[in-house]
């Protein structure tokens, strides 16, 4: 991926359902840019960052992008989201499939073209239905901050 803005967008996929949409930078409120950058930075601390209503957010950054988990107040994982700038051999896509015990509707051997956002609902999602109202939008914003922050500035 070059350093140009991604005005055309990229794919945002939910592994559990197979649902896929093209997300574009205009879906991220430009007024949230500095707030999102701060959450992204703070979520990389060893303890992650606390969010409203007792939710917790923890991110691991690597050369191709970042993977993060939203956990509920009790610590149970709700959502794993991954923003990838590149995934040349599909290893990260397969990892998201191979480290999950439930059924997924996407094919581990057929990764999307990077960049992309991949979400995987975790066991805690069924215990925190209120979080399902905001985690999709939150994952989209996270993905843009990881993949192309200049596009949403």
N, C-alpha and C. Protein backbone atom coordinates (compact mmCIF):
# COMPACT_ATOMS: atom_id res chain seq x y z
N UNK A 1 0.84 -1.18 0.00
CA UNK A 1 0.00 0.00 0.00
C UNK A 1 0.88 1.24 0.00
N UNK A 2 0.57 2.21 -0.82
CA UNK A 2 1.34 3.44 -0.83
C UNK A 2 0.83 4.39 0.25
N UNK A 3 1.48 5.54 0.36
CA UNK A 3 1.13 6.49 1.41
C UNK A 3 -0.02 7.41 1.04
N UNK A 4 -0.62 7.23 -0.13
CA UNK A 4 -1.74 8.06 -0.53
C UNK A 4 -2.96 7.73 0.30
N UNK A 5 -3.85 8.71 0.41
CA UNK A 5 -5.10 8.48 1.14
C UNK A 5 -5.92 7.42 0.42
N UNK A 6 -6.64 6.64 1.20
CA UNK A 6 -7.48 5.58 0.66
C UNK A 6 -8.91 6.08 0.52
N UNK A 7 -9.14 7.01 -0.37
CA UNK A 7 -10.46 7.60 -0.52
C UNK A 7 -11.50 6.60 -1.00
N UNK A 8 -11.07 5.56 -1.72
CA UNK A 8 -12.01 4.56 -2.22
C UNK A 8 -12.41 3.55 -1.18
N UNK A 9 -11.68 3.50 -0.06
CA UNK A 9 -12.03 2.60 1.02
C UNK A 9 -11.42 1.22 0.88
N UNK A 10 -11.84 0.34 1.77
CA UNK A 10 -11.36 -1.04 1.79
C UNK A 10 -12.40 -1.89 2.50
N UNK A 11 -12.17 -3.20 2.51
CA UNK A 11 -13.15 -4.15 3.03
C UNK A 11 -13.11 -4.25 4.56
N UNK A 12 -14.31 -4.35 5.16
CA UNK A 12 -14.48 -4.59 6.60
C UNK A 12 -15.34 -5.85 6.70
N UNK A 13 -14.74 -6.92 7.23
CA UNK A 13 -15.35 -8.25 7.22
C UNK A 13 -15.60 -8.74 8.64
N UNK A 14 -16.74 -9.37 8.85
CA UNK A 14 -17.00 -10.06 10.12
C UNK A 14 -16.88 -11.55 9.85
N UNK A 15 -15.90 -12.18 10.47
CA UNK A 15 -15.61 -13.59 10.21
C UNK A 15 -16.76 -14.51 10.62
N UNK A 16 -17.44 -14.20 11.72
CA UNK A 16 -18.51 -15.07 12.22
C UNK A 16 -19.67 -15.18 11.24
N UNK A 17 -20.03 -14.07 10.61
CA UNK A 17 -21.19 -14.05 9.72
C UNK A 17 -20.83 -14.07 8.24
N UNK A 18 -19.60 -13.71 7.93
CA UNK A 18 -19.19 -13.57 6.54
C UNK A 18 -19.62 -12.24 5.93
N UNK A 19 -20.27 -11.39 6.73
CA UNK A 19 -20.74 -10.09 6.24
C UNK A 19 -19.53 -9.21 5.90
N UNK A 20 -19.62 -8.54 4.77
CA UNK A 20 -18.53 -7.69 4.30
C UNK A 20 -19.10 -6.41 3.71
N UNK A 21 -18.48 -5.29 4.05
CA UNK A 21 -18.85 -4.00 3.47
C UNK A 21 -17.56 -3.27 3.09
N UNK A 22 -17.70 -2.32 2.20
CA UNK A 22 -16.58 -1.43 1.90
C UNK A 22 -16.75 -0.22 2.80
N UNK A 23 -15.73 0.05 3.61
CA UNK A 23 -15.75 1.22 4.48
C UNK A 23 -14.95 2.34 3.82
N UNK A 24 -15.45 3.55 3.93
CA UNK A 24 -14.80 4.71 3.34
C UNK A 24 -14.46 5.71 4.43
N UNK A 25 -13.48 6.58 4.19
CA UNK A 25 -13.04 7.49 5.25
C UNK A 25 -14.12 8.46 5.73
N UNK A 26 -15.11 8.75 4.90
CA UNK A 26 -16.16 9.68 5.33
C UNK A 26 -17.06 9.08 6.41
N UNK A 27 -16.91 7.79 6.72
CA UNK A 27 -17.67 7.16 7.78
C UNK A 27 -17.09 7.43 9.17
N UNK A 28 -15.90 8.02 9.21
CA UNK A 28 -15.25 8.35 10.47
C UNK A 28 -15.35 9.86 10.69
N UNK A 29 -15.97 10.25 11.79
CA UNK A 29 -16.14 11.66 12.13
C UNK A 29 -14.77 12.30 12.34
N UNK A 30 -14.44 13.28 11.52
CA UNK A 30 -13.13 13.93 11.57
C UNK A 30 -12.86 14.58 12.93
N UNK A 31 -13.92 14.96 13.65
CA UNK A 31 -13.75 15.56 14.97
C UNK A 31 -13.26 14.55 16.00
N UNK A 32 -13.35 13.26 15.70
CA UNK A 32 -12.91 12.22 16.62
C UNK A 32 -11.45 11.82 16.41
N UNK A 33 -10.80 12.38 15.42
CA UNK A 33 -9.46 11.95 15.04
C UNK A 33 -8.49 11.90 16.24
N UNK A 34 -8.36 13.00 16.97
CA UNK A 34 -7.39 13.05 18.07
C UNK A 34 -7.81 12.14 19.22
N UNK A 35 -9.10 12.01 19.46
CA UNK A 35 -9.61 11.08 20.47
C UNK A 35 -9.26 9.64 20.09
N UNK A 36 -9.49 9.29 18.82
CA UNK A 36 -9.18 7.94 18.35
C UNK A 36 -7.68 7.66 18.42
N UNK A 37 -6.87 8.64 18.07
CA UNK A 37 -5.42 8.47 18.14
C UNK A 37 -4.98 8.23 19.59
N UNK A 38 -5.60 8.94 20.53
CA UNK A 38 -5.23 8.78 21.94
C UNK A 38 -5.62 7.38 22.44
N UNK A 39 -6.83 6.93 22.10
CA UNK A 39 -7.26 5.59 22.51
C UNK A 39 -6.33 4.54 21.89
N UNK A 40 -6.00 4.70 20.63
CA UNK A 40 -5.11 3.76 19.95
C UNK A 40 -3.75 3.72 20.66
N UNK A 41 -3.18 4.87 20.95
CA UNK A 41 -1.89 4.94 21.63
C UNK A 41 -1.97 4.31 23.03
N UNK A 42 -2.98 4.71 23.80
CA UNK A 42 -3.10 4.22 25.17
C UNK A 42 -3.41 2.72 25.21
N UNK A 43 -4.10 2.21 24.21
CA UNK A 43 -4.45 0.80 24.20
C UNK A 43 -3.23 -0.10 23.97
N UNK A 44 -2.12 0.49 23.58
CA UNK A 44 -0.89 -0.26 23.37
C UNK A 44 -0.08 -0.44 24.66
N UNK A 45 -0.50 0.23 25.73
CA UNK A 45 0.18 0.04 27.02
C UNK A 45 -0.05 -1.40 27.49
N UNK A 46 0.83 -1.93 28.31
CA UNK A 46 0.66 -3.32 28.77
C UNK A 46 -0.71 -3.60 29.39
N UNK A 47 -1.26 -2.62 30.07
CA UNK A 47 -2.57 -2.80 30.70
C UNK A 47 -3.74 -2.38 29.80
N UNK A 48 -3.44 -1.88 28.61
CA UNK A 48 -4.50 -1.42 27.71
C UNK A 48 -5.11 -0.12 28.22
N UNK A 49 -6.36 0.12 27.83
CA UNK A 49 -7.04 1.35 28.22
C UNK A 49 -8.48 1.02 28.62
N UNK A 50 -8.95 1.70 29.66
CA UNK A 50 -10.34 1.55 30.07
C UNK A 50 -11.21 2.45 29.19
N UNK A 51 -12.38 1.96 28.88
CA UNK A 51 -13.33 2.69 28.06
C UNK A 51 -14.59 2.93 28.90
N UNK A 52 -15.55 3.68 28.37
CA UNK A 52 -16.79 3.92 29.13
C UNK A 52 -17.49 2.62 29.52
N UNK A 53 -18.21 2.67 30.60
CA UNK A 53 -19.03 1.57 31.11
C UNK A 53 -18.22 0.34 31.49
N UNK A 54 -16.93 0.52 31.79
CA UNK A 54 -16.10 -0.58 32.28
C UNK A 54 -15.51 -1.47 31.22
N UNK A 55 -15.69 -1.14 29.95
CA UNK A 55 -15.09 -1.94 28.88
C UNK A 55 -13.59 -1.67 28.82
N UNK A 56 -12.86 -2.62 28.29
CA UNK A 56 -11.41 -2.55 28.23
C UNK A 56 -10.97 -2.79 26.78
N UNK A 57 -9.92 -2.08 26.36
CA UNK A 57 -9.42 -2.18 24.99
C UNK A 57 -7.91 -2.35 25.02
N UNK A 58 -7.41 -3.39 24.38
CA UNK A 58 -5.97 -3.69 24.35
C UNK A 58 -5.54 -3.98 22.93
N UNK A 59 -4.45 -3.33 22.50
CA UNK A 59 -3.95 -3.44 21.13
C UNK A 59 -2.52 -3.94 21.09
N UNK A 60 -2.23 -4.78 20.10
CA UNK A 60 -0.87 -5.20 19.78
C UNK A 60 -0.58 -4.73 18.36
N UNK A 61 0.49 -3.98 18.21
CA UNK A 61 0.88 -3.42 16.92
C UNK A 61 2.05 -4.23 16.35
N UNK A 62 2.03 -4.45 15.05
CA UNK A 62 3.12 -5.15 14.37
C UNK A 62 3.28 -4.50 13.01
N UNK A 63 4.27 -4.91 12.24
CA UNK A 63 4.61 -4.21 11.00
C UNK A 63 3.47 -4.15 10.00
N UNK A 64 2.62 -5.17 9.94
CA UNK A 64 1.54 -5.21 8.95
C UNK A 64 0.27 -4.49 9.39
N UNK A 65 0.16 -4.17 10.68
CA UNK A 65 -1.04 -3.53 11.18
C UNK A 65 -1.16 -3.68 12.68
N UNK A 66 -2.36 -4.00 13.15
CA UNK A 66 -2.58 -4.15 14.59
C UNK A 66 -3.78 -5.05 14.82
N UNK A 67 -3.76 -5.74 15.96
CA UNK A 67 -4.89 -6.55 16.38
C UNK A 67 -5.26 -6.09 17.79
N UNK A 68 -6.56 -6.04 18.07
CA UNK A 68 -7.02 -5.53 19.36
C UNK A 68 -8.21 -6.34 19.85
N UNK A 69 -8.40 -6.28 21.16
CA UNK A 69 -9.53 -6.96 21.77
C UNK A 69 -10.29 -5.98 22.65
N UNK A 70 -11.61 -6.01 22.51
CA UNK A 70 -12.50 -5.30 23.42
C UNK A 70 -13.02 -6.35 24.39
N UNK A 71 -12.87 -6.07 25.69
CA UNK A 71 -13.35 -6.99 26.72
C UNK A 71 -14.40 -6.29 27.57
N UNK A 72 -15.27 -7.10 28.14
CA UNK A 72 -16.31 -6.57 29.00
C UNK A 72 -15.78 -6.23 30.38
N UNK A 73 -16.64 -5.65 31.23
CA UNK A 73 -16.23 -5.27 32.57
C UNK A 73 -15.67 -6.44 33.39
N UNK A 74 -16.12 -7.65 33.13
CA UNK A 74 -15.62 -8.82 33.86
C UNK A 74 -14.32 -9.35 33.26
N UNK A 75 -13.88 -8.81 32.13
CA UNK A 75 -12.65 -9.24 31.49
C UNK A 75 -12.85 -10.23 30.36
N UNK A 76 -14.08 -10.68 30.14
CA UNK A 76 -14.33 -11.66 29.08
C UNK A 76 -14.25 -10.96 27.71
N UNK A 77 -13.52 -11.53 26.74
CA UNK A 77 -13.40 -10.91 25.41
C UNK A 77 -14.76 -10.85 24.69
N UNK A 78 -14.99 -9.73 24.02
CA UNK A 78 -16.21 -9.49 23.27
C UNK A 78 -15.94 -9.45 21.77
N UNK A 79 -14.86 -8.78 21.39
CA UNK A 79 -14.55 -8.59 19.97
C UNK A 79 -13.04 -8.58 19.78
N UNK A 80 -12.59 -9.29 18.77
CA UNK A 80 -11.21 -9.15 18.29
C UNK A 80 -11.32 -8.47 16.94
N UNK A 81 -10.55 -7.42 16.76
CA UNK A 81 -10.55 -6.70 15.49
C UNK A 81 -9.11 -6.53 15.03
N UNK A 82 -8.93 -6.59 13.74
CA UNK A 82 -7.60 -6.52 13.16
C UNK A 82 -7.63 -5.56 11.98
N UNK A 83 -6.77 -4.57 12.01
CA UNK A 83 -6.60 -3.66 10.89
C UNK A 83 -5.28 -3.98 10.21
N UNK A 84 -5.35 -4.41 8.97
CA UNK A 84 -4.13 -4.84 8.27
C UNK A 84 -3.86 -3.98 7.05
N UNK A 85 -2.66 -3.42 7.01
CA UNK A 85 -2.21 -2.67 5.84
C UNK A 85 -1.76 -3.63 4.75
N UNK A 86 -1.19 -4.78 5.18
CA UNK A 86 -0.72 -5.79 4.24
C UNK A 86 -0.79 -7.16 4.90
N UNK A 87 -1.00 -8.17 4.10
CA UNK A 87 -1.04 -9.56 4.55
C UNK A 87 -0.66 -10.41 3.34
N UNK A 88 0.59 -10.28 2.89
CA UNK A 88 0.99 -10.85 1.60
C UNK A 88 0.76 -12.35 1.45
N UNK A 89 0.92 -13.12 2.50
CA UNK A 89 0.74 -14.56 2.37
C UNK A 89 -0.51 -15.08 3.08
N UNK A 90 -1.34 -14.17 3.60
CA UNK A 90 -2.57 -14.57 4.26
C UNK A 90 -2.37 -15.15 5.65
N UNK A 91 -1.17 -15.07 6.19
CA UNK A 91 -0.88 -15.67 7.50
C UNK A 91 -1.72 -15.06 8.61
N UNK A 92 -1.90 -13.76 8.58
CA UNK A 92 -2.68 -13.11 9.65
C UNK A 92 -4.16 -13.47 9.55
N UNK A 93 -4.65 -13.58 8.34
CA UNK A 93 -6.03 -14.00 8.11
C UNK A 93 -6.25 -15.42 8.66
N UNK A 94 -5.33 -16.32 8.34
CA UNK A 94 -5.43 -17.69 8.84
C UNK A 94 -5.33 -17.74 10.36
N UNK A 95 -4.47 -16.91 10.94
CA UNK A 95 -4.33 -16.86 12.39
C UNK A 95 -5.65 -16.51 13.06
N UNK A 96 -6.38 -15.57 12.49
CA UNK A 96 -7.69 -15.18 13.06
C UNK A 96 -8.66 -16.36 13.04
N UNK A 97 -8.52 -17.23 12.08
CA UNK A 97 -9.38 -18.42 11.99
C UNK A 97 -8.89 -19.55 12.88
N UNK A 98 -7.59 -19.78 12.89
CA UNK A 98 -7.03 -20.93 13.60
C UNK A 98 -7.06 -20.79 15.11
N UNK A 99 -7.19 -19.58 15.62
CA UNK A 99 -7.21 -19.36 17.06
C UNK A 99 -8.63 -19.06 17.54
N UNK A 100 -9.58 -19.84 17.03
CA UNK A 100 -10.98 -19.66 17.40
C UNK A 100 -11.66 -21.04 17.38
N UNK A 101 -12.43 -21.33 18.41
CA UNK A 101 -13.05 -22.65 18.51
C UNK A 101 -14.43 -22.76 17.89
N UNK A 102 -15.07 -21.64 17.60
CA UNK A 102 -16.43 -21.68 17.07
C UNK A 102 -16.46 -21.67 15.55
N UNK A 103 -17.67 -21.71 15.00
CA UNK A 103 -17.80 -21.67 13.54
C UNK A 103 -17.58 -20.26 12.99
N UNK A 104 -16.91 -20.19 11.87
CA UNK A 104 -16.70 -18.93 11.15
C UNK A 104 -17.18 -19.13 9.72
N UNK A 105 -17.75 -18.08 9.14
CA UNK A 105 -18.32 -18.18 7.80
C UNK A 105 -17.34 -17.79 6.70
N UNK A 106 -16.16 -17.35 7.07
CA UNK A 106 -15.15 -16.98 6.07
C UNK A 106 -14.14 -18.13 5.92
N UNK A 107 -13.48 -18.16 4.79
CA UNK A 107 -12.55 -19.24 4.46
C UNK A 107 -11.13 -18.84 4.88
N UNK A 108 -10.50 -19.61 5.76
CA UNK A 108 -9.15 -19.28 6.20
C UNK A 108 -8.13 -19.30 5.06
N UNK A 109 -8.45 -19.98 3.99
CA UNK A 109 -7.52 -20.08 2.86
C UNK A 109 -7.83 -19.12 1.72
N UNK A 110 -8.77 -18.19 1.97
CA UNK A 110 -9.14 -17.22 0.95
C UNK A 110 -9.17 -15.81 1.57
N UNK A 111 -7.99 -15.26 1.87
CA UNK A 111 -7.94 -13.95 2.51
C UNK A 111 -8.36 -12.84 1.55
N UNK A 112 -8.94 -11.78 2.10
CA UNK A 112 -9.26 -10.63 1.25
C UNK A 112 -7.98 -9.90 0.86
N UNK A 113 -8.11 -9.05 -0.11
CA UNK A 113 -6.98 -8.22 -0.54
C UNK A 113 -6.78 -7.13 0.51
N UNK A 114 -5.55 -6.98 0.98
CA UNK A 114 -5.23 -5.93 1.95
C UNK A 114 -5.16 -4.58 1.23
N UNK A 115 -5.47 -3.53 1.94
CA UNK A 115 -5.79 -3.45 3.35
C UNK A 115 -7.22 -3.91 3.64
N UNK A 116 -7.44 -4.33 4.88
CA UNK A 116 -8.78 -4.72 5.31
C UNK A 116 -8.88 -4.69 6.83
N UNK A 117 -10.12 -4.68 7.30
CA UNK A 117 -10.44 -4.82 8.72
C UNK A 117 -11.16 -6.15 8.85
N UNK A 118 -10.75 -6.96 9.82
CA UNK A 118 -11.42 -8.23 10.09
C UNK A 118 -11.86 -8.25 11.54
N UNK A 119 -13.14 -8.51 11.76
CA UNK A 119 -13.70 -8.59 13.11
C UNK A 119 -14.12 -10.02 13.40
N UNK A 120 -13.91 -10.43 14.64
CA UNK A 120 -14.36 -11.75 15.09
C UNK A 120 -15.04 -11.57 16.44
N UNK A 121 -16.33 -11.90 16.47
CA UNK A 121 -17.07 -11.83 17.74
C UNK A 121 -16.59 -12.95 18.64
N UNK A 122 -16.35 -12.61 19.90
CA UNK A 122 -15.86 -13.58 20.87
C UNK A 122 -17.01 -14.04 21.78
N UNK A 123 -16.74 -14.99 22.62
CA UNK A 123 -17.75 -15.60 23.49
C UNK A 123 -18.51 -14.56 24.32
N UNK A 124 -17.85 -13.52 24.74
CA UNK A 124 -18.48 -12.49 25.57
C UNK A 124 -19.50 -11.64 24.84
N UNK A 125 -19.53 -11.71 23.52
CA UNK A 125 -20.49 -10.88 22.78
C UNK A 125 -21.92 -11.23 23.14
N UNK A 126 -22.18 -12.49 23.42
CA UNK A 126 -23.55 -12.88 23.77
C UNK A 126 -23.94 -12.42 25.17
N UNK A 127 -22.96 -12.12 26.00
CA UNK A 127 -23.23 -11.64 27.36
C UNK A 127 -23.28 -10.12 27.43
N UNK A 128 -22.87 -9.46 26.36
CA UNK A 128 -22.81 -7.99 26.34
C UNK A 128 -23.46 -7.47 25.06
N UNK A 129 -24.73 -7.76 24.91
CA UNK A 129 -25.44 -7.34 23.70
C UNK A 129 -25.44 -5.82 23.54
N UNK A 130 -25.36 -5.08 24.64
CA UNK A 130 -25.29 -3.62 24.55
C UNK A 130 -24.05 -3.18 23.78
N UNK A 131 -22.96 -3.91 23.93
CA UNK A 131 -21.72 -3.56 23.23
C UNK A 131 -21.85 -3.78 21.72
N UNK A 132 -22.74 -4.67 21.32
CA UNK A 132 -22.91 -4.95 19.89
C UNK A 132 -23.49 -3.73 19.16
N UNK A 133 -24.01 -2.78 19.91
CA UNK A 133 -24.53 -1.55 19.29
C UNK A 133 -23.41 -0.62 18.85
N UNK A 134 -22.23 -0.73 19.46
CA UNK A 134 -21.16 0.21 19.14
C UNK A 134 -19.85 -0.43 18.67
N UNK A 135 -19.65 -1.73 18.87
CA UNK A 135 -18.35 -2.31 18.52
C UNK A 135 -18.05 -2.32 17.02
N UNK A 136 -19.06 -2.46 16.19
CA UNK A 136 -18.82 -2.44 14.75
C UNK A 136 -18.28 -1.09 14.28
N UNK A 137 -18.91 -0.02 14.75
CA UNK A 137 -18.44 1.32 14.41
C UNK A 137 -17.08 1.62 15.01
N UNK A 138 -16.89 1.15 16.22
CA UNK A 138 -15.60 1.34 16.89
C UNK A 138 -14.49 0.61 16.12
N UNK A 139 -14.76 -0.62 15.70
CA UNK A 139 -13.76 -1.39 14.93
C UNK A 139 -13.44 -0.70 13.61
N UNK A 140 -14.44 -0.13 12.97
CA UNK A 140 -14.21 0.60 11.71
C UNK A 140 -13.28 1.79 11.96
N UNK A 141 -13.53 2.56 13.00
CA UNK A 141 -12.67 3.70 13.32
C UNK A 141 -11.25 3.24 13.66
N UNK A 142 -11.15 2.18 14.46
CA UNK A 142 -9.85 1.60 14.80
C UNK A 142 -9.10 1.21 13.53
N UNK A 143 -9.78 0.53 12.62
CA UNK A 143 -9.15 0.10 11.38
C UNK A 143 -8.60 1.26 10.58
N UNK A 144 -9.36 2.33 10.49
CA UNK A 144 -8.88 3.49 9.74
C UNK A 144 -7.66 4.12 10.42
N UNK A 145 -7.67 4.20 11.75
CA UNK A 145 -6.53 4.78 12.46
C UNK A 145 -5.28 3.92 12.26
N UNK A 146 -5.43 2.62 12.19
CA UNK A 146 -4.30 1.71 11.97
C UNK A 146 -3.83 1.77 10.52
N UNK A 147 -4.76 1.66 9.59
CA UNK A 147 -4.42 1.47 8.17
C UNK A 147 -4.07 2.76 7.47
N UNK A 148 -4.87 3.80 7.68
CA UNK A 148 -4.65 5.04 6.94
C UNK A 148 -5.15 6.25 7.74
N UNK A 149 -4.45 6.58 8.83
CA UNK A 149 -4.94 7.68 9.67
C UNK A 149 -5.03 9.02 8.93
N UNK A 150 -4.16 9.20 7.93
CA UNK A 150 -4.21 10.46 7.18
C UNK A 150 -5.52 10.61 6.39
N UNK A 151 -6.18 9.51 6.11
CA UNK A 151 -7.45 9.56 5.37
C UNK A 151 -8.60 10.05 6.21
N UNK A 152 -8.47 9.96 7.54
CA UNK A 152 -9.57 10.36 8.42
C UNK A 152 -9.22 11.57 9.27
N UNK A 153 -8.11 12.22 8.95
CA UNK A 153 -7.69 13.40 9.71
C UNK A 153 -8.47 14.61 9.28
